[in-house]
PDB file of N, CA and C in Angstrom:
ATOM      1  N   MET A   1      -4.105  29.621 -11.781  1.00  0.00           N
ATOM      2  CA  MET A   1      -4.268  28.855 -12.978  1.00  0.00           C
ATOM      3  C   MET A   1      -2.917  28.903 -13.204  1.00  0.00           C
ATOM      4  N   ARG A   2      -2.632  27.464 -13.517  1.00  0.00           N
ATOM      5  CA  ARG A   2      -1.760  26.902 -13.540  1.00  0.00           C
ATOM      6  C   ARG A   2      -0.870  26.546 -14.809  1.00  0.00           C
ATOM      7  N   THR A   3       0.182  27.271 -15.259  1.00  0.00           N
ATOM      8  CA  THR A   3       0.759  27.142 -16.800  1.00  0.00           C
ATOM      9  C   THR A   3       1.915  26.611 -16.977  1.00  0.00           C
ATOM     10  N   THR A   4       2.164  26.236 -17.730  1.00  0.00           N
ATOM     11  CA  THR A   4       3.659  26.128 -18.266  1.00  0.00           C
ATOM     12  C   THR A   4       3.874  26.899 -18.876  1.00  0.00           C
ATOM     13  N   ILE A   5       5.500  27.147 -19.323  1.00  0.00           N
ATOM     14  CA  ILE A   5       6.004  27.894 -20.456  1.00  0.00           C
ATOM     15  C   ILE A   5       7.308  28.175 -19.865  1.00  0.00           C
ATOM     16  N   ASN A   6       7.857  27.812 -21.070  1.00  0.00           N
ATOM     17  CA  ASN A   6       9.271  28.640 -21.447  1.00  0.00           C
ATOM     18  C   ASN A   6       9.984  29.756 -21.141  1.00  0.00           C
ATOM     19  N   ILE A   7      10.323  30.457 -19.781  1.00  0.00           N
ATOM     20  CA  ILE A   7      10.808  31.496 -19.490  1.00  0.00           C
ATOM     21  C   ILE A   7      12.536  31.657 -19.461  1.00  0.00           C
ATOM     22  N   ASP A   8      13.384  32.311 -20.556  1.00  0.00           N
ATOM     23  CA  ASP A   8      14.645  32.444 -19.836  1.00  0.00           C
ATOM     24  C   ASP A   8      15.583  32.618 -18.381  1.00  0.00           C
ATOM     25  N   ALA A   9      15.771  31.983 -18.261  1.00  0.00           N
ATOM     26  CA  ALA A   9      16.187  31.491 -16.725  1.00  0.00           C
ATOM     27  C   ALA A   9      17.219  33.168 -16.698  1.00  0.00           C
ATOM     28  N   GLN A  10      17.256  33.155 -16.834  1.00  0.00           N
ATOM     29  CA  GLN A  10      18.182  35.090 -16.977  1.00  0.00           C
ATOM     30  C   GLN A  10      16.420  36.113 -16.337  1.00  0.00           C
ATOM     31  N   LEU A  11      15.983  36.213 -16.842  1.00  0.00           N
ATOM     32  CA  LEU A  11      14.965  37.051 -17.305  1.00  0.00           C
ATOM     33  C   LEU A  11      13.998  36.449 -15.802  1.00  0.00           C
ATOM     34  N   ILE A  12      13.653  35.463 -15.287  1.00  0.00           N
ATOM     35  CA  ILE A  12      13.507  35.338 -14.485  1.00  0.00           C
ATOM     36  C   ILE A  12      13.927  35.582 -13.277  1.00  0.00           C
ATOM     37  N   LYS A  13      15.671  35.132 -13.641  1.00  0.00           N
ATOM     38  CA  LYS A  13      16.275  36.150 -11.914  1.00  0.00           C
ATOM     39  C   LYS A  13      16.243  37.308 -11.813  1.00  0.00           C
ATOM     40  N   GLU A  14      16.497  37.999 -13.034  1.00  0.00           N
ATOM     41  CA  GLU A  14      15.882  39.633 -12.431  1.00  0.00           C
ATOM     42  C   GLU A  14      14.473  40.418 -12.517  1.00  0.00           C
ATOM     43  N   THR A  15      13.867  39.421 -12.977  1.00  0.00           N
ATOM     44  CA  THR A  15      12.199  39.792 -12.700  1.00  0.00           C
ATOM     45  C   THR A  15      12.220  39.213 -10.883  1.00  0.00           C
ATOM     46  N   GLU A  16      12.833  38.231 -10.337  1.00  0.00           N
ATOM     47  CA  GLU A  16      12.327  37.875  -9.008  1.00  0.00           C
ATOM     48  C   GLU A  16      13.353  39.192  -7.829  1.00  0.00           C
ATOM     49  N   ALA A  17      14.376  39.237  -8.566  1.00  0.00           N
ATOM     50  CA  ALA A  17      15.454  40.455  -7.742  1.00  0.00           C
ATOM     51  C   ALA A  17      14.825  41.329  -7.971  1.00  0.00           C
ATOM     52  N   ILE A  18      14.076  42.055  -8.847  1.00  0.00           N
ATOM     53  CA  ILE A  18      13.953  43.606  -8.856  1.00  0.00           C
ATOM     54  C   ILE A  18      12.385  43.271  -7.965  1.00  0.00           C
ATOM     55  N   TYR A  19      11.661  42.396  -8.270  1.00  0.00           N
ATOM     56  CA  TYR A  19      10.185  42.010  -7.205  1.00  0.00           C
ATOM     57  C   TYR A  19      10.275  41.854  -6.094  1.00  0.00           C
ATOM     58  N   LYS A  20      11.272  40.740  -5.487  1.00  0.00           N
ATOM     59  CA  LYS A  20      11.815  40.487  -4.063  1.00  0.00           C
ATOM     60  C   LYS A  20      10.467  39.675  -3.771  1.00  0.00           C
ATOM     61  N   ALA A  21       9.125  38.888  -4.447  1.00  0.00           N
ATOM     62  CA  ALA A  21       8.487  38.646  -4.016  1.00  0.00           C
ATOM     63  C   ALA A  21       8.665  37.062  -2.878  1.00  0.00           C
ATOM     64  N   GLU A  22       6.840  36.855  -3.026  1.00  0.00           N
ATOM     65  CA  GLU A  22       7.081  36.042  -1.714  1.00  0.00           C
ATOM     66  C   GLU A  22       7.594  34.020  -2.791  1.00  0.00           C
ATOM     67  N   SER A  23       7.552  34.419  -4.203  1.00  0.00           N
ATOM     68  CA  SER A  23       7.531  33.169  -4.761  1.00  0.00           C
ATOM     69  C   SER A  23       7.903  33.739  -6.466  1.00  0.00           C
ATOM     70  N   ARG A  24       8.656  32.976  -7.081  1.00  0.00           N
ATOM     71  CA  ARG A  24       8.621  32.608  -8.090  1.00  0.00           C
ATOM     72  C   ARG A  24       7.966  33.733  -8.997  1.00  0.00           C
ATOM     73  N   SER A  25       6.128  32.943  -8.623  1.00  0.00           N
ATOM     74  CA  SER A  25       4.887  32.708  -9.670  1.00  0.00           C
ATOM     75  C   SER A  25       4.540  34.296  -9.081  1.00  0.00           C
ATOM     76  N   LYS A  26       4.303  34.944  -7.952  1.00  0.00           N
ATOM     77  CA  LYS A  26       4.235  35.961  -7.337  1.00  0.00           C
ATOM     78  C   LYS A  26       5.404  37.078  -8.422  1.00  0.00           C
ATOM     79  N   SER A  27       6.688  37.029  -8.634  1.00  0.00           N
ATOM     80  CA  SER A  27       7.448  37.885  -9.460  1.00  0.00           C
ATOM     81  C   SER A  27       7.217  38.243 -11.183  1.00  0.00           C
ATOM     82  N   ILE A  28       6.310  36.848 -10.942  1.00  0.00           N
ATOM     83  CA  ILE A  28       6.147  36.871 -12.460  1.00  0.00           C
ATOM     84  C   ILE A  28       4.906  37.688 -12.981  1.00  0.00           C
ATOM     85  N   GLU A  29       3.936  37.170 -11.824  1.00  0.00           N
ATOM     86  CA  GLU A  29       2.507  37.993 -11.688  1.00  0.00           C
ATOM     87  C   GLU A  29       2.390  39.151 -11.976  1.00  0.00           C
ATOM     88  N   TYR A  30       3.330  39.985 -10.716  1.00  0.00           N
ATOM     89  CA  TYR A  30       3.957  41.464 -10.763  1.00  0.00           C
ATOM     90  C   TYR A  30       4.564  42.345 -12.297  1.00  0.00           C
ATOM     91  N   ALA A  31       5.345  41.167 -12.445  1.00  0.00           N
ATOM     92  CA  ALA A  31       5.497  41.701 -14.301  1.00  0.00           C
ATOM     93  C   ALA A  31       4.592  41.929 -14.491  1.00  0.00           C
ATOM     94  N   LEU A  32       3.826  41.463 -14.678  1.00  0.00           N
ATOM     95  CA  LEU A  32       2.687  40.943 -16.084  1.00  0.00           C
ATOM     96  C   LEU A  32       1.964  42.083 -15.839  1.00  0.00           C
ATOM     97  N   ARG A  33       1.523  42.024 -14.431  1.00  0.00           N
ATOM     98  CA  ARG A  33       0.826  43.829 -14.281  1.00  0.00           C
ATOM     99  C   ARG A  33       1.628  44.659 -14.657  1.00  0.00           C
ATOM    100  N   ASP A  34       2.666  44.584 -14.103  1.00  0.00           N
ATOM    101  CA  ASP A  34       3.186  46.363 -14.947  1.00  0.00           C
ATOM    102  C   ASP A  34       3.281  46.298 -16.288  1.00  0.00           C
ATOM    103  N   ALA A  35       3.784  45.470 -16.875  1.00  0.00           N
ATOM    104  CA  ALA A  35       3.410  45.208 -18.187  1.00  0.00           C
ATOM    105  C   ALA A  35       2.111  45.868 -18.909  1.00  0.00           C
ATOM    106  N   LEU A  36       1.481  45.045 -18.534  1.00  0.00           N
ATOM    107  CA  LEU A  36      -0.401  45.434 -19.124  1.00  0.00           C
ATOM    108  C   LEU A  36      -0.369  47.216 -18.372  1.00  0.00           C
ATOM    109  N   ARG A  37       0.054  47.522 -17.387  1.00  0.00           N
ATOM    110  CA  ARG A  37      -0.787  48.527 -17.197  1.00  0.00           C
ATOM    111  C   ARG A  37       0.388  49.610 -17.672  1.00  0.00           C
ATOM    112  N   MET A  38       1.570  49.562 -18.072  1.00  0.00           N
ATOM    113  CA  MET A  38       2.421  49.769 -18.797  1.00  0.00           C
ATOM    114  C   MET A  38       1.535  50.737 -20.382  1.00  0.00           C
ATOM    115  N   LYS A  39       1.109  49.436 -20.997  1.00  0.00           N
ATOM    116  CA  LYS A  39       0.589  49.465 -22.000  1.00  0.00           C
ATOM    117  C   LYS A  39      -0.300  49.620 -22.258  1.00  0.00           C
ATOM    118  N   LYS A  40      -1.441  50.402 -21.013  1.00  0.00           N
ATOM    119  CA  LYS A  40      -2.176  51.015 -21.131  1.00  0.00           C
ATOM    120  C   LYS A  40      -2.290  52.309 -21.055  1.00  0.00           C
ATOM    121  N   LEU A  41      -0.992  52.399 -20.476  1.00  0.00           N
ATOM    122  CA  LEU A  41      -0.811  53.561 -20.150  1.00  0.00           C
ATOM    123  C   LEU A  41      -0.237  54.653 -21.567  1.00  0.00           C
ATOM    124  N   GLU A  42       0.029  53.733 -22.017  1.00  0.00           N
ATOM    125  CA  GLU A  42       0.848  54.433 -23.619  1.00  0.00           C
ATOM    126  C   GLU A  42      -0.546  54.422 -24.576  1.00  0.00           C
ATOM    127  N   GLN A  43      -1.073  53.145 -24.413  1.00  0.00           N
ATOM    128  CA  GLN A  43      -2.531  53.239 -25.490  1.00  0.00           C
ATOM    129  C   GLN A  43      -3.287  54.993 -24.601  1.00  0.00           C
ATOM    130  N   LEU A  44      -2.807  55.371 -23.596  1.00  0.00           N
ATOM    131  CA  LEU A  44      -4.402  56.751 -22.945  1.00  0.00           C
ATOM    132  C   LEU A  44      -3.126  57.870 -23.741  1.00  0.00           C
ATOM    133  N   ARG A  45      -1.611  57.401 -23.357  1.00  0.00           N
ATOM    134  CA  ARG A  45      -1.067  58.764 -24.225  1.00  0.00           C
ATOM    135  C   ARG A  45      -1.253  58.711 -25.464  1.00  0.00           C
ATOM    136  N   SER A  46      -1.465  57.995 -26.226  1.00  0.00           N
ATOM    137  CA  SER A  46      -1.749  57.975 -28.109  1.00  0.00           C
ATOM    138  C   SER A  46      -3.057  58.740 -27.884  1.00  0.00           C
ATOM    139  N   LEU A  47      -4.344  59.166 -27.340  1.00  0.00           N
ATOM    140  CA  LEU A  47      -4.814  59.845 -27.443  1.00  0.00           C
ATOM    141  C   LEU A  47      -5.431  61.089 -27.012  1.00  0.00           C
ATOM    142  N   ILE A  48      -3.980  61.309 -26.666  1.00  0.00           N
ATOM    143  CA  ILE A  48      -3.879  63.109 -26.123  1.00  0.00           C
ATOM    144  C   ILE A  48      -3.720  64.069 -27.693  1.00  0.00           C
ATOM    145  N   GLY A  49      -4.744  64.978 -27.367  1.00  0.00           N
ATOM    146  CA  GLY A  49      -4.856  65.647 -28.716  1.00  0.00           C
ATOM    147  C   GLY A  49      -5.657  65.563 -29.384  1.00  0.00           C
ATOM    148  N   LYS A  50      -6.652  63.964 -29.210  1.00  0.00           N
ATOM    149  CA  LYS A  50      -7.659  63.511 -30.218  1.00  0.00           C
ATOM    150  C   LYS A  50      -8.971  63.258 -29.762  1.00  0.00           C
ATOM    151  N   VAL A  51      -8.938  63.447 -28.339  1.00  0.00           N
ATOM    152  CA  VAL A  51     -10.462  63.445 -27.290  1.00  0.00           C
ATOM    153  C   VAL A  51     -10.901  65.139 -26.632  1.00  0.00           C
ATOM    154  N   GLU A  52     -11.922  65.472 -27.336  1.00  0.00           N
ATOM    155  CA  GLU A  52     -12.124  66.737 -26.690  1.00  0.00           C
ATOM    156  C   GLU A  52     -13.276  66.158 -25.316  1.00  0.00           C
ATOM    157  N   PHE A  53     -12.910  66.912 -24.309  1.00  0.00           N
ATOM    158  CA  PHE A  53     -13.929  67.308 -23.427  1.00  0.00           C
ATOM    159  C   PHE A  53     -14.656  68.203 -23.257  1.00  0.00           C
ATOM    160  N   ASP A  54     -15.856  68.334 -23.002  1.00  0.00           N
ATOM    161  CA  ASP A  54     -16.584  69.547 -22.449  1.00  0.00           C
ATOM    162  C   ASP A  54     -16.481  69.547 -21.015  1.00  0.00           C
ATOM    163  N   GLU A  55     -15.785  70.285 -20.557  1.00  0.00           N
ATOM    164  CA  GLU A  55     -15.067  69.821 -19.027  1.00  0.00           C
ATOM    165  C   GLU A  55     -16.250  71.497 -18.617  1.00  0.00           C
ATOM    166  N   GLU A  56     -16.798  71.914 -19.092  1.00  0.00           N
ATOM    167  CA  GLU A  56     -18.526  72.578 -17.897  1.00  0.00           C
ATOM    168  C   GLU A  56     -19.080  71.503 -17.926  1.00  0.00           C
ATOM    169  N   ALA A  57     -19.455  70.743 -18.968  1.00  0.00           N
ATOM    170  CA  ALA A  57     -20.833  69.222 -18.839  1.00  0.00           C
ATOM    171  C   ALA A  57     -20.472  68.483 -18.228  1.00  0.00           C
ATOM    172  N   ILE A  58     -18.750  68.117 -17.808  1.00  0.00           N
ATOM    173  CA  ILE A  58     -18.371  66.680 -16.829  1.00  0.00           C
ATOM    174  C   ILE A  58     -18.803  67.703 -15.250  1.00  0.00           C
ATOM    175  N   GLN A  59     -18.546  68.945 -15.467  1.00  0.00           N
ATOM    176  CA  GLN A  59     -18.525  69.560 -14.132  1.00  0.00           C
ATOM    177  C   GLN A  59     -20.301  69.712 -13.683  1.00  0.00           C
ATOM    178  N   GLN A  60     -21.026  70.216 -14.577  1.00  0.00           N
ATOM    179  CA  GLN A  60     -22.243  69.771 -14.293  1.00  0.00           C
ATOM    180  C   GLN A  60     -23.186  68.209 -13.592  1.00  0.00           C
ATOM    181  N   LEU A  61     -22.214  67.919 -14.649  1.00  0.00           N
ATOM    182  CA  LEU A  61     -22.145  65.852 -14.363  1.00  0.00           C
ATOM    183  C   LEU A  61     -22.108  65.708 -13.442  1.00  0.00           C
ATOM    184  N   ARG A  62     -21.046  66.040 -12.552  1.00  0.00           N
ATOM    185  CA  ARG A  62     -20.611  65.633 -11.236  1.00  0.00           C
ATOM    186  C   ARG A  62     -21.423  66.402 -10.015  1.00  0.00           C
ATOM    187  N   GLU A  63     -21.852  67.769 -10.374  1.00  0.00           N
ATOM    188  CA  GLU A  63     -22.643  68.593  -9.036  1.00  0.00           C
ATOM    189  C   GLU A  63     -23.737  67.770  -9.332  1.00  0.00           C
ATOM    190  N   SER A  64     -24.605  67.664  -9.854  1.00  0.00           N
ATOM    191  CA  SER A  64     -25.778  66.735 -10.328  1.00  0.00           C
ATOM    192  C   SER A  64     -25.874  65.621  -9.177  1.00  0.00           C
ATOM    193  N   GLU A  65     -24.518  65.025  -9.090  1.00  0.00           N
ATOM    194  CA  GLU A  65     -24.524  63.516  -8.368  1.00  0.00           C
ATOM    195  C   GLU A  65     -24.769  63.472  -7.153  1.00  0.00           C
ATOM    196  N   ARG A  66     -24.279  64.852  -6.685  1.00  0.00           N
ATOM    197  CA  ARG A  66     -24.301  64.572  -5.318  1.00  0.00           C
ATOM    198  C   ARG A  66     -25.666  65.134  -4.610  1.00  0.00           C
TER     199      ARG A  66
END
């Protein structure tokens, strides 16, 4: 998708240097994917200790699927 946005030139240069992609667009796409991945991991980490799993039930489900 083509989008026009204003991004700091130094930020673009750093992104291009880190990702070494074949184009500026690919560098930015990779950076956005990484940012999303990191935010999702943060959200998962925030659930540590808040969610309980019944490991035996999970194991039984896995075995029944075979």
